[in-house]
Structures are given as C-alpha cells and as structure tokens.
Protein backbone atom coordinates (compact mmCIF):
# COMPACT_ATOMS: atom_id res chain seq x y z
CA UNK A 1 12.24 13.27 -8.51
CA UNK A 2 11.17 15.21 -5.41
CA UNK A 3 11.18 13.32 -2.14
CA UNK A 4 11.29 13.91 1.58
CA UNK A 5 14.70 15.56 1.92
CA UNK A 6 17.28 13.79 4.01
CA UNK A 7 14.97 11.10 5.32
CA UNK A 8 16.67 7.70 5.19
CA UNK A 9 15.58 4.29 6.42
CA UNK A 10 15.93 4.85 10.17
CA UNK A 11 14.04 8.14 10.12
CA UNK A 12 11.35 6.80 7.75
CA UNK A 13 10.93 3.74 9.94
CA UNK A 14 10.43 5.89 13.01
CA UNK A 15 8.01 8.23 11.19
CA UNK A 16 5.96 5.29 9.93
CA UNK A 17 5.87 3.56 13.31
CA UNK A 18 4.91 6.80 15.10
CA UNK A 19 1.93 7.21 12.72
CA UNK A 20 0.76 3.63 12.03
CA UNK A 21 1.38 1.77 15.29
CA UNK A 22 -1.21 3.95 17.19
CA UNK A 23 -3.51 3.73 14.18
CA UNK A 24 -3.51 -0.05 14.04
CA UNK A 25 -3.55 -0.37 17.82
CA UNK A 26 -6.97 1.31 17.95
CA UNK A 27 -8.28 0.08 14.55
CA UNK A 28 -10.60 -2.71 13.67
CA UNK A 29 -9.75 -5.01 10.81
CA UNK A 30 -11.52 -3.99 7.60
CA UNK A 31 -12.36 -7.03 5.51
CA UNK A 32 -11.03 -7.05 1.90
CA UNK A 33 -14.58 -7.42 0.56
CA UNK A 34 -15.26 -3.83 1.71
CA UNK A 35 -12.78 -2.24 -0.67
CA UNK A 36 -13.34 -1.32 -4.34
CA UNK A 37 -10.38 -3.62 -5.18
CA UNK A 38 -12.41 -6.74 -4.26
CA UNK A 39 -13.81 -7.63 -7.70
CA UNK A 40 -10.28 -7.45 -9.12
CA UNK A 41 -8.76 -9.32 -6.16
CA UNK A 42 -11.46 -12.01 -6.32
CA UNK A 43 -10.60 -12.69 -9.94
CA UNK A 44 -6.89 -12.84 -9.20
CA UNK A 45 -7.38 -15.10 -6.17
CA UNK A 46 -9.46 -17.53 -8.22
CA UNK A 47 -6.39 -18.47 -10.26
CA UNK A 48 -3.88 -18.28 -7.38
CA UNK A 49 -2.40 -21.13 -5.34
CA UNK A 50 -0.03 -19.12 -3.11
CA UNK A 51 -0.28 -15.48 -2.23
CA UNK A 52 1.45 -12.81 -0.16
CA UNK A 53 0.43 -9.31 0.96
CA UNK A 54 3.11 -6.95 2.26
CA UNK A 55 2.31 -4.26 4.84
CA UNK A 56 -1.46 -4.59 4.90
CA UNK A 57 -1.86 -3.03 8.39
CA UNK A 58 -5.52 -3.74 9.20
CA UNK A 59 -6.68 -2.92 5.70
CA UNK A 60 -5.77 -6.07 3.80
CA UNK A 61 -6.81 -6.29 0.13
CA UNK A 62 -6.23 -10.06 -0.06
CA UNK A 63 -8.41 -12.55 1.89
CA UNK A 64 -7.19 -13.17 5.40
CA UNK A 65 -7.66 -16.89 5.04
CA UNK A 66 -5.05 -18.55 2.80
CA UNK A 67 -2.78 -15.48 2.48
CA UNK A 68 0.67 -14.92 3.99
CA UNK A 69 1.17 -11.45 5.46
CA UNK A 70 4.27 -9.43 6.40
CA UNK A 71 4.08 -6.15 8.35
CA UNK A 72 6.50 -3.99 10.37
CA UNK A 73 3.82 -2.94 12.86
CA UNK A 74 3.60 -5.16 15.96
CA UNK A 75 0.01 -4.05 16.74
CA UNK A 76 -1.04 -4.93 13.21
CA UNK A 77 0.66 -8.32 13.37
CA UNK A 78 -0.92 -9.04 16.72
CA UNK A 79 -4.41 -8.25 15.52
CA UNK A 80 -4.02 -10.29 12.35
CA UNK A 81 -2.91 -13.24 14.42
CA UNK A 82 -6.12 -12.95 16.41
CA UNK A 83 -7.82 -13.78 13.11
CA UNK A 84 -5.56 -16.89 12.75
CA UNK A 85 -3.79 -15.21 9.81
CA UNK A 86 -0.44 -16.46 8.67
CA UNK A 87 1.58 -13.34 9.46
CA UNK A 88 5.25 -12.45 10.12
CA UNK A 89 6.90 -9.39 11.53
CA UNK A 90 9.27 -8.18 8.82
CA UNK A 91 10.25 -5.66 6.17
CA UNK A 92 9.53 -5.42 2.49
CA UNK A 93 13.32 -5.19 1.85
CA UNK A 94 13.97 -8.55 3.57
CA UNK A 95 10.96 -10.80 3.05
CA UNK A 96 11.18 -14.02 5.09
CA UNK A 97 10.28 -16.34 2.21
CA UNK A 98 12.05 -18.46 -0.36
CA UNK A 99 12.33 -17.25 -3.91
CA UNK A 100 9.56 -17.76 -6.49
CA UNK A 101 6.95 -19.27 -4.15
CA UNK A 102 4.01 -16.85 -4.68
CA UNK A 103 1.89 -16.52 -7.78
CA UNK A 104 0.09 -13.44 -6.39
CA UNK A 105 1.84 -10.63 -4.49
CA UNK A 106 0.09 -7.52 -3.16
CA UNK A 107 2.01 -4.36 -2.09
CA UNK A 108 -0.52 -1.54 -1.88
CA UNK A 109 0.70 1.85 -0.48
CA UNK A 110 4.07 0.58 0.77
CA UNK A 111 6.90 1.08 -1.77
CA UNK A 112 6.66 4.86 -1.42
CA UNK A 113 7.42 4.52 2.28
CA UNK A 114 10.81 2.89 1.79
CA UNK A 115 14.06 4.70 1.11
CA UNK A 116 15.56 1.53 -0.48
CA UNK A 117 13.05 1.22 -3.32
CA UNK A 118 15.42 -1.10 -5.24
CA UNK A 119 15.55 -3.42 -2.27
CA UNK A 120 11.82 -3.43 -2.00
CA UNK A 121 11.16 -4.02 -5.70
CA UNK A 122 13.90 -6.64 -5.83
CA UNK A 123 12.30 -8.58 -2.99
CA UNK A 124 8.82 -8.38 -4.51
CA UNK A 125 10.31 -9.73 -7.76
CA UNK A 126 12.30 -12.39 -5.96
CA UNK A 127 9.35 -14.00 -4.18
CA UNK A 128 7.02 -13.74 -7.17
CA UNK A 129 6.91 -16.63 -9.61
CA UNK A 130 7.54 -16.18 -13.29
CA UNK A 131 4.08 -15.50 -14.72
CA UNK A 132 2.82 -14.41 -11.29
CA UNK A 133 0.86 -11.22 -10.65
CA UNK A 134 1.84 -8.17 -8.61
CA UNK A 135 -0.78 -5.76 -7.33
CA UNK A 136 0.87 -2.45 -6.39
CA UNK A 137 -0.31 1.09 -5.69
CA UNK A 138 1.73 4.27 -5.30
CA UNK A 139 1.19 8.06 -5.27
CA UNK A 140 2.14 10.01 -8.36
CA UNK A 141 3.75 13.30 -9.33
CA UNK A 142 6.56 14.58 -7.11
CA UNK A 143 5.42 18.21 -7.82
CA UNK A 144 2.28 17.48 -5.76
CA UNK A 145 4.18 16.69 -2.60
CA UNK A 146 2.38 17.96 0.53
CA UNK A 147 2.95 18.12 4.28
CA UNK A 148 0.66 15.10 4.52
CA UNK A 149 3.17 13.02 2.52
CA UNK A 150 5.77 13.88 5.16
CA UNK A 151 3.42 13.19 8.05
CA UNK A 152 2.35 9.70 6.94
CA UNK A 153 5.93 8.67 6.17
CA UNK A 154 6.18 8.83 2.40
CA UNK A 155 9.65 8.91 0.88
CA UNK A 156 8.62 9.65 -2.69
CA UNK A 157 5.93 10.20 -5.23
CA UNK A 158 6.53 8.65 -8.67
CA UNK A 159 6.62 10.12 -12.11
CA UNK A 160 4.50 7.70 -14.16
CA UNK A 161 7.27 6.83 -16.68
CA UNK A 162 9.80 6.34 -13.92
CA UNK A 163 7.39 3.97 -12.19
CA UNK A 164 7.04 1.89 -15.35
CA UNK A 165 10.80 1.89 -15.84
CA UNK A 166 11.43 0.77 -12.26
CA UNK A 167 8.91 -2.08 -12.48
CA UNK A 168 10.38 -3.14 -15.84
CA UNK A 169 13.84 -3.20 -14.27
CA UNK A 170 12.64 -5.92 -11.93
CA UNK A 171 10.82 -7.96 -14.52
CA UNK A 172 7.24 -6.61 -14.25
CA UNK A 173 5.06 -5.45 -17.10
CA UNK A 174 1.82 -3.54 -16.49
CA UNK A 175 -1.29 -5.38 -17.64
CA UNK A 176 -3.89 -2.87 -16.42
CA UNK A 177 -4.25 0.16 -14.14
CA UNK A 178 -6.87 2.29 -12.40
CA UNK A 179 -7.23 5.54 -10.51
CA UNK A 180 -6.92 4.66 -6.87
CA UNK A 181 -6.99 6.07 -3.35
CA UNK A 182 -9.41 7.72 -0.98
CA UNK A 183 -7.48 10.94 -0.34
CA UNK A 184 -9.81 13.99 -0.30
CA UNK A 185 -9.33 16.37 -3.21
CA UNK A 186 -9.77 19.40 -0.97
CA UNK A 187 -6.39 20.76 0.25
CA UNK A 188 -8.22 22.51 3.11
CA UNK A 189 -9.71 19.26 4.35
CA UNK A 190 -6.28 17.65 4.26
CA UNK A 191 -4.78 20.60 6.14
CA UNK A 192 -7.55 20.35 8.76
CA UNK A 193 -6.95 16.63 9.18
CA UNK A 194 -3.20 17.21 9.51
CA UNK A 195 -3.76 19.90 12.16
CA UNK A 196 -5.95 17.51 14.19
CA UNK A 197 -3.40 14.65 13.86
CA UNK A 198 -0.66 16.99 15.04
CA UNK A 199 -2.45 18.70 17.93
CA UNK A 200 -5.16 16.18 19.00
CA UNK A 201 -3.72 12.91 17.80
CA UNK A 202 -5.69 10.51 19.99
CA UNK A 203 -9.03 12.13 19.11
CA UNK A 204 -8.06 12.35 15.44
CA UNK A 205 -7.17 8.65 15.34
CA UNK A 206 -10.55 7.83 16.90
CA UNK A 207 -12.37 9.82 14.24
CA UNK A 208 -10.28 8.29 11.49
CA UNK A 209 -10.89 4.71 12.61
CA UNK A 210 -14.54 5.07 13.67
CA UNK A 211 -15.93 7.64 11.27
CA UNK A 212 -13.72 8.69 8.35
CA UNK A 213 -12.49 5.23 7.30
CA UNK A 214 -15.96 3.62 7.34
CA UNK A 215 -17.32 6.52 5.36
CA UNK A 216 -14.40 6.42 2.91
CA UNK A 217 -14.98 2.72 2.31
CA UNK A 218 -18.70 3.17 1.86
CA UNK A 219 -18.45 5.97 -0.68
CA UNK A 220 -15.36 4.92 -2.63
CA UNK A 221 -15.74 4.90 -6.37
CA UNK A 222 -15.92 1.71 -8.33
CA UNK A 223 -12.52 0.66 -9.57
CA UNK A 224 -12.28 1.26 -13.35
CA UNK A 225 -9.44 -0.76 -14.89
CA UNK A 226 -7.88 0.20 -18.20
CA UNK A 227 -5.44 -1.86 -20.30
CA UNK A 228 -1.84 -0.94 -19.75
CA UNK A 229 -0.89 2.34 -18.07
CA UNK A 230 -3.66 4.93 -17.98
CA UNK A 231 -3.18 8.64 -18.73
CA UNK A 232 -1.94 9.67 -15.29
CA UNK A 233 -1.75 13.48 -15.94
CA UNK A 234 -4.38 14.29 -13.28
CA UNK A 235 -4.11 11.12 -11.19
CA UNK A 236 -2.92 11.36 -7.54
CA UNK A 237 -2.49 7.64 -7.01
CA UNK A 238 -2.55 4.64 -9.32
CA UNK A 239 -3.22 0.91 -8.84
CA UNK A 240 -1.32 -1.39 -11.20
CA UNK A 241 -1.84 -5.04 -12.06
CA UNK A 242 1.57 -6.31 -13.19
CA UNK A 243 2.88 -9.62 -14.52
CA UNK A 244 6.28 -11.09 -13.76
CA UNK A 245 8.18 -11.90 -16.97
C-alpha cells in the first residue's frame, strides 16, 4: 500500500484543518437532495430509525433533520447548528455515542484521511447495530496517488481487495457498490486547481464554493449501483453499501 509518507495523526489533522476549515467557513450547506446519492439514501432512510453521519462538512449525504452528525471542523459544526442539526465536535476514532445505537451510518470520504484506520473502522462498527447499514466511500489504487491527495489530507488510497478485507475484519459485508466522486479526469485540470489553491487560496476557495461545486453537483452522473463489489480496475473512487453482520 502506498500512502502519504511519514504523515501521522497530528500532521494529518493539521493538514485537514488547514484545508477544510477555510473551505467550510466560506461554504454554504449543500442539501443532500442535490447529490446523486439521494435516491439511495432516501431508500435507506425510509427503513431507518436512528442514523449517524461522520465528517459531513457542509456536504451531508443524510438528511439534516433527524440525523446525528460528528465533525472535527468547528466552522462546519457551527453552520450545521444554525440549521438546528444534532451535531457534535469529535473524531471518527472516538465517536461520542453508545455502542449499537444506529441502524444507518454514513462515512463518505473520511476513512482515507485518518492514520488510525483500524480505530476509525472499529468505531463505525461499534456504533452500528447488527443488521445496520454502512455507507462508505474511499479513493482506490495507491499507484494513482497524486499531489492532490497530499494537499487535501489523504493518508491512503485502497486496493479494492484490501478494502473488502478491512471491512470484513470489522463485521461488514458489501451489498452493493458504485463508481463515485466528482474529481476531474484531466490531470492538467487537477494541477491547475492545485496551483490556484497553493498560490491564491482565498480566490480558489471562492471559485470552488461558488462555481465549481455547484457545477459539479449539477452535472454529476447518476449513481449506478451494482450487486457486491464492482470491477474497480479503472475506478478512482468507490461508494459501498455495507451490512453489519
């Protein structure tokens, strides 16, 4: 597995806060109905009585009303509270909830940001009821690591089989999966975005929040779920619907 060399929890935490706190401070909350995950989420919510989303920032996939949220970013927590959301400041490796109380847990684009992946997966498993659902998304293929992974605070990309093995280790089986993510395929476009974020951060954040994110949401492809784990050979990021054994 290839990962960000030498970056442990303290450094990853600082990298993530440096990137995401300004992003959320200037961002508007995007409603979950705007994302291509909504038809899936709506079906999962229909059979759910207690649900948790970990590290949503201001891009929650679960409905704000009736969901518990946990995030490390104070700006994100503050803005979620303005919407009367049930939200706590906390970490995925130490969730402030009793064991087995949620029948739906969402952790999209977070596990790859944490050095202690076993601590993160253990906590997701701990708070999820037996028979409960876990919605998780992560980037794939360590060989495709880029400077952008470093910049946004990733610790790892997953080999597909290793991802399945890790989830299985903590009691989760994959029911279905889909290609996920809104990352541009063009490496030149990513390099250009990274240059702007490095040299003109405030302006780049404005463009991301006001222009790029709305366009990305508007033109995202329909989520196409497949039973089990899809063929991930050419997939940059995968969304998995898992069930707790």
